[in-house]
Amino acid sequence: MGKIEIEALRERRKGYLQEAVLYAVGIAGILLVTMVAPNTLRLLGGLMLSNRRFSEQARAALSRLARKGYIEFEESHGKKYARITSSGRRVLELERQKLLMRPSKGKRWDRRFRMVMFDIAEKRKAIRIQFREAMREAGFLRLQDSVWVYPYNCDDFIQLLKADLHLGREVLYVIVEKMDNDAWVRKHFKLPPA
């Protein structure tokens, strides 16, 4: 494995670890900091090699989550606890919505497409990029730079994403009954032909 691949793997692991720690704190509501490492290790199924090294990485993940504002620390009776913040809860809910949106075999299509159109100003380019990346990760298909389509109900996801990124009228959610030349869109989502 090349140097770039190893570096990318390290970054992915950091992300996985932060997510697992956030889930652990989110599920418990408040968690003793010394308890995070062993519980998170079980969640990850042994992703890291040694308990000692993992413990250090878990603490680093806690620090990163605190810097992002997803958790906060508090002390009680000489022990340090991590508590999830409202911002952390929003991130968890957004991730949960992404998982719910993944097409499954039991999901029935109502023969309507959901279109999301947005016009985010150039001065908020970073937010625009984040929005596009979230749409891509959730499984939307890009029709144009600012027009994306999805075949299933995704209103909750879009509302959460708008709230998280502080977007309002810049984003429009539209339900489309008919779309011209939609064969390639249907094929992409593995939907029945017209």
Protein backbone atom coordinates (compact mmCIF):
# COMPACT_ATOMS: atom_id res chain seq x y z
CA MET A 1 0.00 0.00 0.00
CA GLY A 2 1.36 3.40 -1.01
CA LYS A 3 1.99 6.39 1.24
CA ILE A 4 -1.15 8.25 0.10
CA GLU A 5 -3.34 5.19 0.66
CA ILE A 6 -1.95 4.71 4.19
CA GLU A 7 -2.56 8.39 4.97
CA ALA A 8 -6.13 8.16 3.65
CA LEU A 9 -6.75 5.04 5.75
CA ARG A 10 -5.55 6.85 8.89
CA GLU A 11 -7.92 9.75 8.18
CA ARG A 12 -10.86 7.37 7.61
CA ARG A 13 -10.10 5.59 10.89
CA LYS A 14 -10.09 8.91 12.73
CA GLY A 15 -13.52 9.63 11.26
CA TYR A 16 -14.81 6.16 12.18
CA LEU A 17 -13.50 6.56 15.70
CA GLN A 18 -15.02 10.03 16.14
CA GLU A 19 -18.36 8.72 14.88
CA ALA A 20 -18.25 5.71 17.21
CA VAL A 21 -17.36 7.89 20.21
CA LEU A 22 -20.14 10.33 19.33
CA TYR A 23 -22.63 7.43 19.04
CA ALA A 24 -21.48 6.05 22.41
CA VAL A 25 -21.93 9.42 24.11
CA GLY A 26 -25.19 10.02 22.23
CA ILE A 27 -26.69 6.71 23.28
CA ALA A 28 -25.69 7.10 26.90
CA GLY A 29 -26.48 10.84 27.04
CA ILE A 30 -23.60 11.35 29.46
CA LEU A 31 -20.62 9.06 29.72
CA LEU A 32 -17.68 8.80 32.08
CA VAL A 33 -14.64 9.69 29.96
CA THR A 34 -12.61 6.70 31.23
CA MET A 35 -15.44 4.43 30.05
CA VAL A 36 -15.43 5.68 26.46
CA ALA A 37 -12.42 3.73 25.19
CA PRO A 38 -13.47 0.15 26.11
CA ASN A 39 -17.11 0.67 25.10
CA THR A 40 -16.18 2.27 21.81
CA LEU A 41 -13.75 -0.56 21.10
CA ARG A 42 -16.64 -3.01 21.34
CA LEU A 43 -18.71 -0.83 18.99
CA LEU A 44 -15.95 -0.85 16.40
CA GLY A 45 -15.41 -4.59 16.64
CA GLY A 46 -11.68 -4.29 17.28
CA LEU A 47 -10.80 -1.79 14.56
CA MET A 48 -7.70 -0.65 16.42
CA LEU A 49 -4.82 -2.86 17.49
CA SER A 50 -3.91 -2.30 21.16
CA ASN A 51 -6.17 -1.15 24.01
CA ARG A 52 -3.57 1.37 25.21
CA ARG A 53 -3.12 2.96 21.81
CA PHE A 54 -6.85 2.87 21.22
CA SER A 55 -7.46 4.60 24.55
CA GLU A 56 -5.19 7.45 23.45
CA GLN A 57 -6.97 7.66 20.11
CA ALA A 58 -10.39 7.67 21.79
CA ARG A 59 -9.32 10.56 24.01
CA ALA A 60 -8.04 12.43 20.95
CA ALA A 61 -11.38 11.78 19.23
CA LEU A 62 -13.19 13.17 22.29
CA SER A 63 -11.05 16.30 22.10
CA ARG A 64 -11.80 16.74 18.39
CA LEU A 65 -15.53 16.28 19.02
CA ALA A 66 -15.38 18.87 21.81
CA ARG A 67 -13.58 21.34 19.49
CA LYS A 68 -16.33 20.84 16.91
CA GLY A 69 -18.93 21.51 19.61
CA TYR A 70 -20.53 18.05 19.44
CA ILE A 71 -19.75 17.12 23.05
CA GLU A 72 -18.87 19.02 26.19
CA PHE A 73 -17.02 17.94 29.29
CA GLU A 74 -18.20 18.36 32.84
CA GLU A 75 -16.82 17.30 36.18
CA SER A 76 -18.76 15.78 39.03
CA HIS A 77 -17.33 14.30 42.22
CA GLY A 78 -13.80 14.41 40.81
CA LYS A 79 -14.69 12.48 37.63
CA LYS A 80 -14.77 13.85 34.10
CA TYR A 81 -17.87 13.17 31.97
CA ALA A 82 -18.65 13.76 28.31
CA ARG A 83 -22.14 14.99 27.42
CA ILE A 84 -23.54 15.30 23.91
CA THR A 85 -24.60 18.80 22.84
CA SER A 86 -27.62 19.77 20.76
CA SER A 87 -25.24 20.22 17.81
CA GLY A 88 -23.94 16.66 18.36
CA ARG A 89 -27.51 15.34 18.46
CA ARG A 90 -28.24 17.06 15.13
CA VAL A 91 -25.17 15.40 13.57
CA LEU A 92 -26.30 11.99 14.87
CA GLU A 93 -29.83 12.54 13.56
CA LEU A 94 -28.47 13.59 10.17
CA GLU A 95 -26.38 10.40 9.99
CA ARG A 96 -29.41 8.34 11.03
CA GLN A 97 -31.48 9.94 8.27
CA LYS A 98 -28.76 9.15 5.72
CA LEU A 99 -28.89 5.49 6.75
CA LEU A 100 -32.68 5.44 6.50
CA MET A 101 -32.52 6.88 2.99
CA ARG A 102 -30.43 4.05 1.58
CA PRO A 103 -32.57 2.10 -0.85
CA SER A 104 -33.56 -1.32 0.40
CA LYS A 105 -35.31 -4.19 -1.33
CA GLY A 106 -38.47 -3.66 0.73
CA LYS A 107 -38.73 0.03 -0.15
CA ARG A 108 -41.62 0.80 -2.49
CA TRP A 109 -41.33 3.59 -4.99
CA ASP A 110 -44.42 5.84 -5.23
CA ARG A 111 -43.56 6.81 -8.84
CA ARG A 112 -42.55 10.33 -7.82
CA PHE A 113 -39.13 11.92 -7.88
CA ARG A 114 -37.91 14.34 -5.21
CA MET A 115 -35.84 17.19 -6.57
CA VAL A 116 -33.66 19.42 -4.49
CA MET A 117 -32.58 22.68 -6.07
CA PHE A 118 -30.32 25.19 -4.42
CA ASP A 119 -28.71 28.53 -5.05
CA ILE A 120 -26.08 29.18 -2.38
CA ALA A 121 -24.08 32.38 -2.80
CA GLU A 122 -20.39 32.31 -3.74
CA LYS A 123 -19.44 33.86 -0.39
CA ARG A 124 -20.80 30.68 1.25
CA LYS A 125 -18.95 28.33 -1.09
CA ALA A 126 -17.79 26.04 1.74
CA ILE A 127 -21.42 25.51 2.81
CA ARG A 128 -22.39 24.81 -0.82
CA ILE A 129 -19.66 22.18 -1.08
CA GLN A 130 -20.77 20.61 2.22
CA PHE A 131 -24.37 20.53 0.98
CA ARG A 132 -23.41 18.83 -2.29
CA GLU A 133 -21.23 16.29 -0.47
CA ALA A 134 -24.07 15.43 1.93
CA MET A 135 -26.44 14.95 -1.03
CA ARG A 136 -23.93 12.68 -2.77
CA GLU A 137 -23.33 10.63 0.39
CA ALA A 138 -27.08 10.22 0.89
CA GLY A 139 -27.47 8.75 -2.59
CA PHE A 140 -28.93 11.63 -4.57
CA LEU A 141 -28.24 11.81 -8.32
CA ARG A 142 -26.84 15.05 -9.71
CA LEU A 143 -28.85 16.32 -12.69
CA GLN A 144 -27.03 19.65 -12.75
CA ASP A 145 -24.64 21.33 -10.30
CA SER A 146 -27.52 22.68 -8.21
CA VAL A 147 -30.28 20.22 -9.09
CA TRP A 148 -30.34 16.78 -7.49
CA VAL A 149 -32.92 14.01 -7.61
CA TYR A 150 -33.94 11.11 -5.36
CA PRO A 151 -36.84 8.67 -5.85
CA TYR A 152 -37.99 8.29 -2.22
CA ASN A 153 -39.27 10.58 0.51
CA CYS A 154 -36.32 12.56 1.86
CA ASP A 155 -38.05 15.59 3.35
CA ASP A 156 -36.79 14.91 6.90
CA PHE A 157 -33.21 14.59 5.68
CA ILE A 158 -33.38 17.84 3.69
CA GLN A 159 -34.94 19.74 6.61
CA LEU A 160 -32.21 18.50 8.97
CA LEU A 161 -29.49 19.34 6.46
CA LYS A 162 -30.92 22.83 5.95
CA ALA A 163 -31.04 23.40 9.71
CA ASP A 164 -27.54 22.05 10.22
CA LEU A 165 -26.02 24.24 7.50
CA HIS A 166 -28.22 27.26 8.30
CA LEU A 167 -29.89 27.31 4.90
CA GLY A 168 -33.40 28.59 4.28
CA ARG A 169 -34.82 29.86 1.04
CA GLU A 170 -31.61 28.89 -0.78
CA VAL A 171 -32.89 25.30 -0.95
CA LEU A 172 -36.10 24.15 -2.65
CA TYR A 173 -37.62 20.67 -2.19
CA VAL A 174 -39.96 19.65 -5.03
CA ILE A 175 -41.99 16.50 -5.64
CA VAL A 176 -42.18 15.68 -9.36
CA GLU A 177 -44.93 13.48 -10.85
CA LYS A 178 -43.45 13.25 -14.35
CA MET A 179 -40.00 13.84 -15.72
CA ASP A 180 -39.04 13.92 -19.39
CA ASN A 181 -36.30 11.47 -20.50
CA ASP A 182 -36.12 9.81 -17.10
CA ALA A 183 -34.98 6.36 -18.31
CA TRP A 184 -31.37 6.97 -17.25
CA VAL A 185 -32.52 8.24 -13.83
CA ARG A 186 -34.72 5.15 -13.34
CA LYS A 187 -31.84 2.95 -14.41
CA HIS A 188 -29.48 4.65 -11.93
CA PHE A 189 -31.86 4.01 -9.02
CA LYS A 190 -32.85 0.53 -10.33
CA LEU A 191 -36.50 1.55 -10.67
CA PRO A 192 -39.06 -0.10 -12.96
CA PRO A 193 -39.31 1.36 -16.48
CA ALA A 194 -42.18 3.71 -17.37
